[in-house]
Amino acid sequence: MDENNNMQTNQGYQDNFDYNYNNGGNPSVPQPTMDTSPMSMGDWVLTILASFIPCAGIILYLVWAFSKNGNVNRRNYCRANLAIMAVILVVYIVFAAIFGAAIVSGM
């Protein structure tokens, strides 16, 4: 009787786990190829030191931020760091335009 009752209550239930998991689903859920293990201190040091390399650092951050494989923690850190860099770049451009216009108009 318990099995029949359980089957009746689950009759309208749709298991979306396999559908969402195999079809992309929620982007915040790690994909099966992503490494969810914690990064060691050495991995973090290398990730941060990579940002000091002028052009290759930004390219590495872009690769780590938008790749489907790799560590989830590194991916999220690189995405956050790229977002901060973009905001700082916009602020620099605005200040350069304001002060450049002030200097040119003062001449």
PDB file of N, CA and C in Angstrom:
ATOM      1  N   MET A   1       0.821  -1.187   0.000  1.00  0.00           N
ATOM      2  CA  MET A   1       0.000   0.000   0.000  1.00  0.00           C
ATOM      3  C   MET A   1       0.869   1.257   0.000  1.00  0.00           C
ATOM      4  N   ASP A   2       1.968   1.184   0.707  1.00  0.00           N
ATOM      5  CA  ASP A   2       2.852   2.345   0.779  1.00  0.00           C
ATOM      6  C   ASP A   2       3.462   2.642  -0.590  1.00  0.00           C
ATOM      7  N   GLU A   3       3.778   1.599  -1.364  1.00  0.00           N
ATOM      8  CA  GLU A   3       4.346   1.811  -2.690  1.00  0.00           C
ATOM      9  C   GLU A   3       3.336   2.460  -3.618  1.00  0.00           C
ATOM     10  N   ASN A   4       2.063   2.002  -3.557  1.00  0.00           N
ATOM     11  CA  ASN A   4       1.030   2.597  -4.408  1.00  0.00           C
ATOM     12  C   ASN A   4       0.808   4.058  -4.056  1.00  0.00           C
ATOM     13  N   ASN A   5       0.819   4.378  -2.770  1.00  0.00           N
ATOM     14  CA  ASN A   5       0.630   5.754  -2.330  1.00  0.00           C
ATOM     15  C   ASN A   5       1.790   6.624  -2.801  1.00  0.00           C
ATOM     16  N   ASN A   6       3.005   6.075  -2.714  1.00  0.00           N
ATOM     17  CA  ASN A   6       4.181   6.806  -3.148  1.00  0.00           C
ATOM     18  C   ASN A   6       4.158   7.042  -4.656  1.00  0.00           C
ATOM     19  N   MET A   7       3.700   6.069  -5.432  1.00  0.00           N
ATOM     20  CA  MET A   7       3.620   6.214  -6.876  1.00  0.00           C
ATOM     21  C   MET A   7       2.565   7.242  -7.266  1.00  0.00           C
ATOM     22  N   GLN A   8       1.476   7.296  -6.511  1.00  0.00           N
ATOM     23  CA  GLN A   8       0.430   8.257  -6.832  1.00  0.00           C
ATOM     24  C   GLN A   8       0.890   9.682  -6.549  1.00  0.00           C
ATOM     25  N   THR A   9       1.627   9.898  -5.490  1.00  0.00           N
ATOM     26  CA  THR A   9       2.078  11.248  -5.169  1.00  0.00           C
ATOM     27  C   THR A   9       3.170  11.711  -6.125  1.00  0.00           C
ATOM     28  N   ASN A  10       3.953  10.800  -6.668  1.00  0.00           N
ATOM     29  CA  ASN A  10       5.035  11.170  -7.572  1.00  0.00           C
ATOM     30  C   ASN A  10       4.626  11.126  -9.037  1.00  0.00           C
ATOM     31  N   GLN A  11       3.364  10.897  -9.302  1.00  0.00           N
ATOM     32  CA  GLN A  11       2.919  10.742 -10.668  1.00  0.00           C
ATOM     33  C   GLN A  11       3.129  12.018 -11.492  1.00  0.00           C
ATOM     34  N   GLY A  12       2.836  13.176 -10.942  1.00  0.00           N
ATOM     35  CA  GLY A  12       2.993  14.424 -11.663  1.00  0.00           C
ATOM     36  C   GLY A  12       4.383  15.025 -11.517  1.00  0.00           C
ATOM     37  N   TYR A  13       5.249  14.365 -10.805  1.00  0.00           N
ATOM     38  CA  TYR A  13       6.594  14.879 -10.544  1.00  0.00           C
ATOM     39  C   TYR A  13       7.490  14.645 -11.740  1.00  0.00           C
ATOM     40  N   GLN A  14       8.171  15.685 -12.176  1.00  0.00           N
ATOM     41  CA  GLN A  14       9.109  15.551 -13.282  1.00  0.00           C
ATOM     42  C   GLN A  14      10.514  15.720 -12.738  1.00  0.00           C
ATOM     43  N   ASP A  15      11.354  14.756 -12.985  1.00  0.00           N
ATOM     44  CA  ASP A  15      12.722  14.825 -12.510  1.00  0.00           C
ATOM     45  C   ASP A  15      13.532  15.663 -13.487  1.00  0.00           C
ATOM     46  N   ASN A  16      13.815  16.900 -13.118  1.00  0.00           N
ATOM     47  CA  ASN A  16      14.540  17.808 -13.995  1.00  0.00           C
ATOM     48  C   ASN A  16      16.039  17.732 -13.797  1.00  0.00           C
ATOM     49  N   PHE A  17      16.516  16.920 -12.884  1.00  0.00           N
ATOM     50  CA  PHE A  17      17.948  16.881 -12.614  1.00  0.00           C
ATOM     51  C   PHE A  17      18.720  16.480 -13.865  1.00  0.00           C
ATOM     52  N   ASP A  18      18.328  15.374 -14.487  1.00  0.00           N
ATOM     53  CA  ASP A  18      19.048  14.918 -15.679  1.00  0.00           C
ATOM     54  C   ASP A  18      18.893  15.901 -16.822  1.00  0.00           C
ATOM     55  N   TYR A  19      17.708  16.469 -16.988  1.00  0.00           N
ATOM     56  CA  TYR A  19      17.488  17.426 -18.076  1.00  0.00           C
ATOM     57  C   TYR A  19      18.360  18.657 -17.899  1.00  0.00           C
ATOM     58  N   ASN A  20      18.364  19.249 -16.704  1.00  0.00           N
ATOM     59  CA  ASN A  20      19.158  20.445 -16.463  1.00  0.00           C
ATOM     60  C   ASN A  20      20.650  20.141 -16.490  1.00  0.00           C
ATOM     61  N   TYR A  21      21.027  18.997 -15.981  1.00  0.00           N
ATOM     62  CA  TYR A  21      22.431  18.645 -15.899  1.00  0.00           C
ATOM     63  C   TYR A  21      23.014  18.404 -17.283  1.00  0.00           C
ATOM     64  N   ASN A  22      22.273  17.749 -18.147  1.00  0.00           N
ATOM     65  CA  ASN A  22      22.789  17.411 -19.467  1.00  0.00           C
ATOM     66  C   ASN A  22      22.581  18.514 -20.494  1.00  0.00           C
ATOM     67  N   ASN A  23      21.672  19.436 -20.250  1.00  0.00           N
ATOM     68  CA  ASN A  23      21.367  20.485 -21.222  1.00  0.00           C
ATOM     69  C   ASN A  23      21.838  21.855 -20.768  1.00  0.00           C
ATOM     70  N   GLY A  24      22.832  21.929 -19.972  1.00  0.00           N
ATOM     71  CA  GLY A  24      23.338  23.230 -19.529  1.00  0.00           C
ATOM     72  C   GLY A  24      22.759  23.616 -18.197  1.00  0.00           C
ATOM     73  N   GLY A  25      21.437  23.699 -18.105  1.00  0.00           N
ATOM     74  CA  GLY A  25      20.762  23.994 -16.837  1.00  0.00           C
ATOM     75  C   GLY A  25      21.216  25.294 -16.216  1.00  0.00           C
ATOM     76  N   ASN A  26      21.301  25.279 -14.927  1.00  0.00           N
ATOM     77  CA  ASN A  26      21.683  26.460 -14.170  1.00  0.00           C
ATOM     78  C   ASN A  26      23.187  26.687 -14.315  1.00  0.00           C
ATOM     79  N   PRO A  27      23.624  27.878 -14.755  1.00  0.00           N
ATOM     80  CA  PRO A  27      25.060  28.089 -14.946  1.00  0.00           C
ATOM     81  C   PRO A  27      25.851  28.117 -13.643  1.00  0.00           C
ATOM     82  N   SER A  28      25.179  28.296 -12.508  1.00  0.00           N
ATOM     83  CA  SER A  28      25.911  28.314 -11.246  1.00  0.00           C
ATOM     84  C   SER A  28      26.233  26.907 -10.755  1.00  0.00           C
ATOM     85  N   VAL A  29      25.592  25.896 -11.342  1.00  0.00           N
ATOM     86  CA  VAL A  29      25.871  24.513 -10.965  1.00  0.00           C
ATOM     87  C   VAL A  29      27.101  24.065 -11.734  1.00  0.00           C
ATOM     88  N   PRO A  30      28.134  23.576 -11.043  1.00  0.00           N
ATOM     89  CA  PRO A  30      29.354  23.158 -11.742  1.00  0.00           C
ATOM     90  C   PRO A  30      29.084  22.043 -12.734  1.00  0.00           C
ATOM     91  N   GLN A  31      29.701  22.128 -13.883  1.00  0.00           N
ATOM     92  CA  GLN A  31      29.572  21.102 -14.901  1.00  0.00           C
ATOM     93  C   GLN A  31      30.442  19.910 -14.506  1.00  0.00           C
ATOM     94  N   PRO A  32      30.180  18.737 -15.055  1.00  0.00           N
ATOM     95  CA  PRO A  32      30.912  17.545 -14.629  1.00  0.00           C
ATOM     96  C   PRO A  32      32.403  17.595 -14.914  1.00  0.00           C
ATOM     97  N   THR A  33      32.859  18.401 -15.878  1.00  0.00           N
ATOM     98  CA  THR A  33      34.275  18.449 -16.201  1.00  0.00           C
ATOM     99  C   THR A  33      35.036  19.457 -15.339  1.00  0.00           C
ATOM    100  N   MET A  34      34.346  20.232 -14.535  1.00  0.00           N
ATOM    101  CA  MET A  34      35.006  21.264 -13.742  1.00  0.00           C
ATOM    102  C   MET A  34      35.534  20.671 -12.439  1.00  0.00           C
ATOM    103  N   ASP A  35      36.681  21.160 -12.039  1.00  0.00           N
ATOM    104  CA  ASP A  35      37.329  20.722 -10.809  1.00  0.00           C
ATOM    105  C   ASP A  35      36.807  21.578  -9.661  1.00  0.00           C
ATOM    106  N   THR A  36      36.171  20.952  -8.692  1.00  0.00           N
ATOM    107  CA  THR A  36      35.619  21.694  -7.557  1.00  0.00           C
ATOM    108  C   THR A  36      36.471  21.563  -6.307  1.00  0.00           C
ATOM    109  N   SER A  37      37.641  20.964  -6.430  1.00  0.00           N
ATOM    110  CA  SER A  37      38.498  20.805  -5.258  1.00  0.00           C
ATOM    111  C   SER A  37      39.125  22.151  -4.889  1.00  0.00           C
ATOM    112  N   PRO A  38      39.444  22.346  -3.616  1.00  0.00           N
ATOM    113  CA  PRO A  38      40.064  23.621  -3.218  1.00  0.00           C
ATOM    114  C   PRO A  38      41.461  23.768  -3.822  1.00  0.00           C
ATOM    115  N   MET A  39      41.803  24.998  -4.135  1.00  0.00           N
ATOM    116  CA  MET A  39      43.131  25.270  -4.691  1.00  0.00           C
ATOM    117  C   MET A  39      44.139  25.392  -3.557  1.00  0.00           C
ATOM    118  N   SER A  40      45.356  24.947  -3.812  1.00  0.00           N
ATOM    119  CA  SER A  40      46.412  25.049  -2.810  1.00  0.00           C
ATOM    120  C   SER A  40      46.948  26.482  -2.793  1.00  0.00           C
ATOM    121  N   MET A  41      47.755  26.786  -1.797  1.00  0.00           N
ATOM    122  CA  MET A  41      48.329  28.120  -1.705  1.00  0.00           C
ATOM    123  C   MET A  41      49.226  28.405  -2.905  1.00  0.00           C
ATOM    124  N   GLY A  42      49.957  27.409  -3.360  1.00  0.00           N
ATOM    125  CA  GLY A  42      50.806  27.581  -4.529  1.00  0.00           C
ATOM    126  C   GLY A  42      50.001  27.906  -5.781  1.00  0.00           C
ATOM    127  N   ASP A  43      48.841  27.266  -5.948  1.00  0.00           N
ATOM    128  CA  ASP A  43      47.980  27.572  -7.088  1.00  0.00           C
ATOM    129  C   ASP A  43      47.496  29.017  -7.036  1.00  0.00           C
ATOM    130  N   TRP A  44      47.130  29.476  -5.827  1.00  0.00           N
ATOM    131  CA  TRP A  44      46.675  30.860  -5.683  1.00  0.00           C
ATOM    132  C   TRP A  44      47.799  31.843  -5.966  1.00  0.00           C
ATOM    133  N   VAL A  45      49.014  31.531  -5.493  1.00  0.00           N
ATOM    134  CA  VAL A  45      50.151  32.423  -5.729  1.00  0.00           C
ATOM    135  C   VAL A  45      50.429  32.524  -7.225  1.00  0.00           C
ATOM    136  N   LEU A  46      50.422  31.398  -7.934  1.00  0.00           N
ATOM    137  CA  LEU A  46      50.657  31.423  -9.378  1.00  0.00           C
ATOM    138  C   LEU A  46      49.546  32.163 -10.114  1.00  0.00           C
ATOM    139  N   THR A  47      48.307  32.010  -9.655  1.00  0.00           N
ATOM    140  CA  THR A  47      47.194  32.712 -10.289  1.00  0.00           C
ATOM    141  C   THR A  47      47.330  34.220 -10.123  1.00  0.00           C
ATOM    142  N   ILE A  48      47.710  34.652  -8.935  1.00  0.00           N
ATOM    143  CA  ILE A  48      47.863  36.086  -8.680  1.00  0.00           C
ATOM    144  C   ILE A  48      49.101  36.629  -9.395  1.00  0.00           C
ATOM    145  N   LEU A  49      50.199  35.871  -9.393  1.00  0.00           N
ATOM    146  CA  LEU A  49      51.411  36.328 -10.090  1.00  0.00           C
ATOM    147  C   LEU A  49      51.208  36.422 -11.601  1.00  0.00           C
ATOM    148  N   ALA A  50      50.296  35.627 -12.145  1.00  0.00           N
ATOM    149  CA  ALA A  50      50.027  35.680 -13.579  1.00  0.00           C
ATOM    150  C   ALA A  50      49.467  37.031 -13.983  1.00  0.00           C
ATOM    151  N   SER A  51      48.795  37.716 -13.070  1.00  0.00           N
ATOM    152  CA  SER A  51      48.222  39.024 -13.410  1.00  0.00           C
ATOM    153  C   SER A  51      49.298  40.092 -13.576  1.00  0.00           C
ATOM    154  N   PHE A  52      50.509  39.862 -13.066  1.00  0.00           N
ATOM    155  CA  PHE A  52      51.583  40.846 -13.181  1.00  0.00           C
ATOM    156  C   PHE A  52      52.301  40.788 -14.533  1.00  0.00           C
ATOM    157  N   ILE A  53      52.064  39.750 -15.324  1.00  0.00           N
ATOM    158  CA  ILE A  53      52.656  39.656 -16.649  1.00  0.00           C
ATOM    159  C   ILE A  53      51.817  40.536 -17.580  1.00  0.00           C
ATOM    160  N   PRO A  54      52.423  41.542 -18.213  1.00  0.00           N
ATOM    161  CA  PRO A  54      51.638  42.570 -18.900  1.00  0.00           C
ATOM    162  C   PRO A  54      50.546  42.078 -19.853  1.00  0.00           C
ATOM    163  N   CYS A  55      50.845  41.413 -20.922  1.00  0.00           N
ATOM    164  CA  CYS A  55      49.794  41.007 -21.871  1.00  0.00           C
ATOM    165  C   CYS A  55      49.345  39.565 -21.636  1.00  0.00           C
ATOM    166  N   ALA A  56      50.287  38.710 -21.335  1.00  0.00           N
ATOM    167  CA  ALA A  56      49.968  37.296 -21.149  1.00  0.00           C
ATOM    168  C   ALA A  56      49.086  37.078 -19.925  1.00  0.00           C
ATOM    169  N   GLY A  57      49.203  37.939 -18.916  1.00  0.00           N
ATOM    170  CA  GLY A  57      48.389  37.797 -17.716  1.00  0.00           C
ATOM    171  C   GLY A  57      46.913  37.992 -17.997  1.00  0.00           C
ATOM    172  N   ILE A  58      46.591  38.990 -18.799  1.00  0.00           N
ATOM    173  CA  ILE A  58      45.189  39.233 -19.144  1.00  0.00           C
ATOM    174  C   ILE A  58      44.658  38.096 -20.016  1.00  0.00           C
ATOM    175  N   ILE A  59      45.494  37.605 -20.917  1.00  0.00           N
ATOM    176  CA  ILE A  59      45.079  36.484 -21.764  1.00  0.00           C
ATOM    177  C   ILE A  59      44.848  35.243 -20.912  1.00  0.00           C
ATOM    178  N   LEU A  60      45.739  34.981 -19.952  1.00  0.00           N
ATOM    179  CA  LEU A  60      45.549  33.833 -19.058  1.00  0.00           C
ATOM    180  C   LEU A  60      44.262  33.976 -18.251  1.00  0.00           C
ATOM    181  N   TYR A  61      44.007  35.177 -17.744  1.00  0.00           N
ATOM    182  CA  TYR A  61      42.788  35.399 -16.969  1.00  0.00           C
ATOM    183  C   TYR A  61      41.547  35.193 -17.829  1.00  0.00           C
ATOM    184  N   LEU A  62      41.595  35.627 -19.088  1.00  0.00           N
ATOM    185  CA  LEU A  62      40.464  35.412 -19.990  1.00  0.00           C
ATOM    186  C   LEU A  62      40.251  33.925 -20.265  1.00  0.00           C
ATOM    187  N   VAL A  63      41.340  33.200 -20.460  1.00  0.00           N
ATOM    188  CA  VAL A  63      41.230  31.754 -20.706  1.00  0.00           C
ATOM    189  C   VAL A  63      40.668  31.053 -19.471  1.00  0.00           C
ATOM    190  N   TRP A  64      41.203  31.368 -18.291  1.00  0.00           N
ATOM    191  CA  TRP A  64      40.728  30.733 -17.069  1.00  0.00           C
ATOM    192  C   TRP A  64      39.298  31.140 -16.742  1.00  0.00           C
ATOM    193  N   ALA A  65      38.901  32.368 -17.053  1.00  0.00           N
ATOM    194  CA  ALA A  65      37.569  32.851 -16.706  1.00  0.00           C
ATOM    195  C   ALA A  65      36.482  32.244 -17.577  1.00  0.00           C
ATOM    196  N   PHE A  66      36.788  31.953 -18.836  1.00  0.00           N
ATOM    197  CA  PHE A  66      35.737  31.522 -19.752  1.00  0.00           C
ATOM    198  C   PHE A  66      35.908  30.105 -20.279  1.00  0.00           C
ATOM    199  N   SER A  67      36.813  29.329 -19.695  1.00  0.00           N
ATOM    200  CA  SER A  67      36.969  27.942 -20.133  1.00  0.00           C
ATOM    201  C   SER A  67      35.953  27.055 -19.427  1.00  0.00           C
ATOM    202  N   LYS A  68      35.608  25.976 -20.071  1.00  0.00           N
ATOM    203  CA  LYS A  68      34.648  25.027 -19.499  1.00  0.00           C
ATOM    204  C   LYS A  68      35.330  24.035 -18.558  1.00  0.00           C
ATOM    205  N   ASN A  69      36.632  23.906 -18.653  1.00  0.00           N
ATOM    206  CA  ASN A  69      37.384  22.998 -17.791  1.00  0.00           C
ATOM    207  C   ASN A  69      38.182  23.813 -16.794  1.00  0.00           C
ATOM    208  N   GLY A  70      38.749  23.154 -15.821  1.00  0.00           N
ATOM    209  CA  GLY A  70      39.584  23.839 -14.854  1.00  0.00           C
ATOM    210  C   GLY A  70      38.891  23.962 -13.506  1.00  0.00           C
ATOM    211  N   ASN A  71      39.523  24.694 -12.616  1.00  0.00           N
ATOM    212  CA  ASN A  71      39.030  24.836 -11.261  1.00  0.00           C
ATOM    213  C   ASN A  71      37.968  25.934 -11.185  1.00  0.00           C
ATOM    214  N   VAL A  72      36.878  25.641 -10.502  1.00  0.00           N
ATOM    215  CA  VAL A  72      35.776  26.596 -10.350  1.00  0.00           C
ATOM    216  C   VAL A  72      36.232  27.821  -9.569  1.00  0.00           C
ATOM    217  N   ASN A  73      37.052  27.613  -8.561  1.00  0.00           N
ATOM    218  CA  ASN A  73      37.512  28.732  -7.747  1.00  0.00           C
ATOM    219  C   ASN A  73      38.368  29.698  -8.562  1.00  0.00           C
ATOM    220  N   ARG A  74      39.271  29.160  -9.377  1.00  0.00           N
ATOM    221  CA  ARG A  74      40.112  30.008 -10.225  1.00  0.00           C
ATOM    222  C   ARG A  74      39.255  30.738 -11.256  1.00  0.00           C
ATOM    223  N   ARG A  75      38.280  30.048 -11.820  1.00  0.00           N
ATOM    224  CA  ARG A  75      37.401  30.673 -12.815  1.00  0.00           C
ATOM    225  C   ARG A  75      36.654  31.859 -12.215  1.00  0.00           C
ATOM    226  N   ASN A  76      36.067  31.676 -11.037  1.00  0.00           N
ATOM    227  CA  ASN A  76      35.319  32.759 -10.404  1.00  0.00           C
ATOM    228  C   ASN A  76      36.229  33.909  -9.997  1.00  0.00           C
ATOM    229  N   TYR A  77      37.420  33.604  -9.514  1.00  0.00           N
ATOM    230  CA  TYR A  77      38.372  34.653  -9.141  1.00  0.00           C
ATOM    231  C   TYR A  77      38.772  35.467 -10.367  1.00  0.00           C
ATOM    232  N   CYS A  78      39.059  34.786 -11.475  1.00  0.00           N
ATOM    233  CA  CYS A  78      39.463  35.488 -12.692  1.00  0.00           C
ATOM    234  C   CYS A  78      38.322  36.339 -13.236  1.00  0.00           C
ATOM    235  N   ARG A  79      37.094  35.839 -13.175  1.00  0.00           N
ATOM    236  CA  ARG A  79      35.949  36.635 -13.617  1.00  0.00           C
ATOM    237  C   ARG A  79      35.798  37.887 -12.767  1.00  0.00           C
ATOM    238  N   ALA A  80      35.917  37.737 -11.462  1.00  0.00           N
ATOM    239  CA  ALA A  80      35.797  38.892 -10.573  1.00  0.00           C
ATOM    240  C   ALA A  80      36.922  39.888 -10.818  1.00  0.00           C
ATOM    241  N   ASN A  81      38.122  39.390 -10.995  1.00  0.00           N
ATOM    242  CA  ASN A  81      39.271  40.270 -11.223  1.00  0.00           C
ATOM    243  C   ASN A  81      39.139  41.004 -12.559  1.00  0.00           C
ATOM    244  N   LEU A  82      38.654  40.331 -13.592  1.00  0.00           N
ATOM    245  CA  LEU A  82      38.447  40.986 -14.880  1.00  0.00           C
ATOM    246  C   LEU A  82      37.364  42.057 -14.787  1.00  0.00           C
ATOM    247  N   ALA A  83      36.327  41.790 -14.009  1.00  0.00           N
ATOM    248  CA  ALA A  83      35.269  42.793 -13.830  1.00  0.00           C
ATOM    249  C   ALA A  83      35.817  44.032 -13.115  1.00  0.00           C
ATOM    250  N   ILE A  84      36.635  43.827 -12.105  1.00  0.00           N
ATOM    251  CA  ILE A  84      37.238  44.960 -11.392  1.00  0.00           C
ATOM    252  C   ILE A  84      38.172  45.730 -12.315  1.00  0.00           C
ATOM    253  N   MET A  85      38.964  45.010 -13.124  1.00  0.00           N
ATOM    254  CA  MET A  85      39.853  45.681 -14.073  1.00  0.00           C
ATOM    255  C   MET A  85      39.066  46.511 -15.082  1.00  0.00           C
ATOM    256  N   ALA A  86      37.919  46.009 -15.525  1.00  0.00           N
ATOM    257  CA  ALA A  86      37.097  46.749 -16.487  1.00  0.00           C
ATOM    258  C   ALA A  86      36.546  48.023 -15.860  1.00  0.00           C
ATOM    259  N   VAL A  87      36.107  47.954 -14.616  1.00  0.00           N
ATOM    260  CA  VAL A  87      35.592  49.140 -13.930  1.00  0.00           C
ATOM    261  C   VAL A  87      36.703  50.171 -13.752  1.00  0.00           C
ATOM    262  N   ILE A  88      37.869  49.726 -13.346  1.00  0.00           N
ATOM    263  CA  ILE A  88      38.993  50.650 -13.158  1.00  0.00           C
ATOM    264  C   ILE A  88      39.391  51.286 -14.487  1.00  0.00           C
ATOM    265  N   LEU A  89      39.374  50.521 -15.571  1.00  0.00           N
ATOM    266  CA  LEU A  89      39.706  51.063 -16.885  1.00  0.00           C
ATOM    267  C   LEU A  89      38.714  52.155 -17.287  1.00  0.00           C
ATOM    268  N   VAL A  90      37.433  51.920 -17.041  1.00  0.00           N
ATOM    269  CA  VAL A  90      36.417  52.928 -17.370  1.00  0.00           C
ATOM    270  C   VAL A  90      36.630  54.193 -16.537  1.00  0.00           C
ATOM    271  N   VAL A  91      36.951  54.035 -15.254  1.00  0.00           N
ATOM    272  CA  VAL A  91      37.208  55.201 -14.403  1.00  0.00           C
ATOM    273  C   VAL A  91      38.424  55.968 -14.905  1.00  0.00           C
ATOM    274  N   TYR A  92      39.485  55.274 -15.292  1.00  0.00           N
ATOM    275  CA  TYR A  92      40.673  55.937 -15.838  1.00  0.00           C
ATOM    276  C   TYR A  92      40.336  56.718 -17.106  1.00  0.00           C
ATOM    277  N   ILE A  93      39.559  56.127 -17.989  1.00  0.00           N
ATOM    278  CA  ILE A  93      39.197  56.798 -19.237  1.00  0.00           C
ATOM    279  C   ILE A  93      38.370  58.054 -18.954  1.00  0.00           C
ATOM    280  N   VAL A  94      37.434  57.962 -18.012  1.00  0.00           N
ATOM    281  CA  VAL A  94      36.610  59.125 -17.670  1.00  0.00           C
ATOM    282  C   VAL A  94      37.477  60.242 -17.097  1.00  0.00           C
ATOM    283  N   PHE A  95      38.356  59.903 -16.161  1.00  0.00           N
ATOM    284  CA  PHE A  95      39.234  60.931 -15.583  1.00  0.00           C
ATOM    285  C   PHE A  95      40.173  61.525 -16.633  1.00  0.00           C
ATOM    286  N   ALA A  96      40.694  60.700 -17.526  1.00  0.00           N
ATOM    287  CA  ALA A  96      41.585  61.211 -18.572  1.00  0.00           C
ATOM    288  C   ALA A  96      40.827  62.150 -19.495  1.00  0.00           C
ATOM    289  N   ALA A  97      39.594  61.823 -19.809  1.00  0.00           N
ATOM    290  CA  ALA A  97      38.807  62.697 -20.676  1.00  0.00           C
ATOM    291  C   ALA A  97      38.491  64.016 -19.978  1.00  0.00           C
ATOM    292  N   ILE A  98      38.127  63.959 -18.702  1.00  0.00           N
ATOM    293  CA  ILE A  98      37.791  65.186 -17.960  1.00  0.00           C
ATOM    294  C   ILE A  98      39.013  66.079 -17.814  1.00  0.00           C
ATOM    295  N   PHE A  99      40.117  65.516 -17.315  1.00  0.00           N
ATOM    296  CA  PHE A  99      41.309  66.330 -17.103  1.00  0.00           C
ATOM    297  C   PHE A  99      41.980  66.720 -18.414  1.00  0.00           C
ATOM    298  N   GLY A 100      41.888  65.872 -19.430  1.00  0.00           N
ATOM    299  CA  GLY A 100      42.419  66.242 -20.736  1.00  0.00           C
ATOM    300  C   GLY A 100      41.657  67.420 -21.327  1.00  0.00           C
ATOM    301  N   ALA A 101      40.339  67.396 -21.190  1.00  0.00           N
ATOM    302  CA  ALA A 101      39.530  68.518 -21.697  1.00  0.00           C
ATOM    303  C   ALA A 101      39.819  69.789 -20.885  1.00  0.00           C
ATOM    304  N   ALA A 102      40.045  69.653 -19.586  1.00  0.00           N
ATOM    305  CA  ALA A 102      40.342  70.833 -18.749  1.00  0.00           C
ATOM    306  C   ALA A 102      41.694  71.433 -19.118  1.00  0.00           C
ATOM    307  N   ILE A 103      42.655  70.586 -19.407  1.00  0.00           N
ATOM    308  CA  ILE A 103      43.985  71.086 -19.771  1.00  0.00           C
ATOM    309  C   ILE A 103      43.948  71.746 -21.150  1.00  0.00           C
ATOM    310  N   VAL A 104      43.255  71.124 -22.090  1.00  0.00           N
ATOM    311  CA  VAL A 104      43.174  71.686 -23.445  1.00  0.00           C
ATOM    312  C   VAL A 104      42.398  73.001 -23.425  1.00  0.00           C
ATOM    313  N   SER A 105      41.328  73.097 -22.656  1.00  0.00           N
ATOM    314  CA  SER A 105      40.536  74.333 -22.622  1.00  0.00           C
ATOM    315  C   SER A 105      41.261  75.457 -21.879  1.00  0.00           C
ATOM    316  N   GLY A 106      42.202  75.106 -21.025  1.00  0.00           N
ATOM    317  CA  GLY A 106      42.959  76.114 -20.290  1.00  0.00           C
ATOM    318  C   GLY A 106      44.068  76.716 -21.112  1.00  0.00           C
ATOM    319  N   MET A 107      44.410  76.111 -22.228  1.00  0.00           N
ATOM    320  CA  MET A 107      45.517  76.625 -23.035  1.00  0.00           C
ATOM    321  C   MET A 107      45.050  77.721 -23.870  1.00  0.00           C
TER     322      MET A 107
END
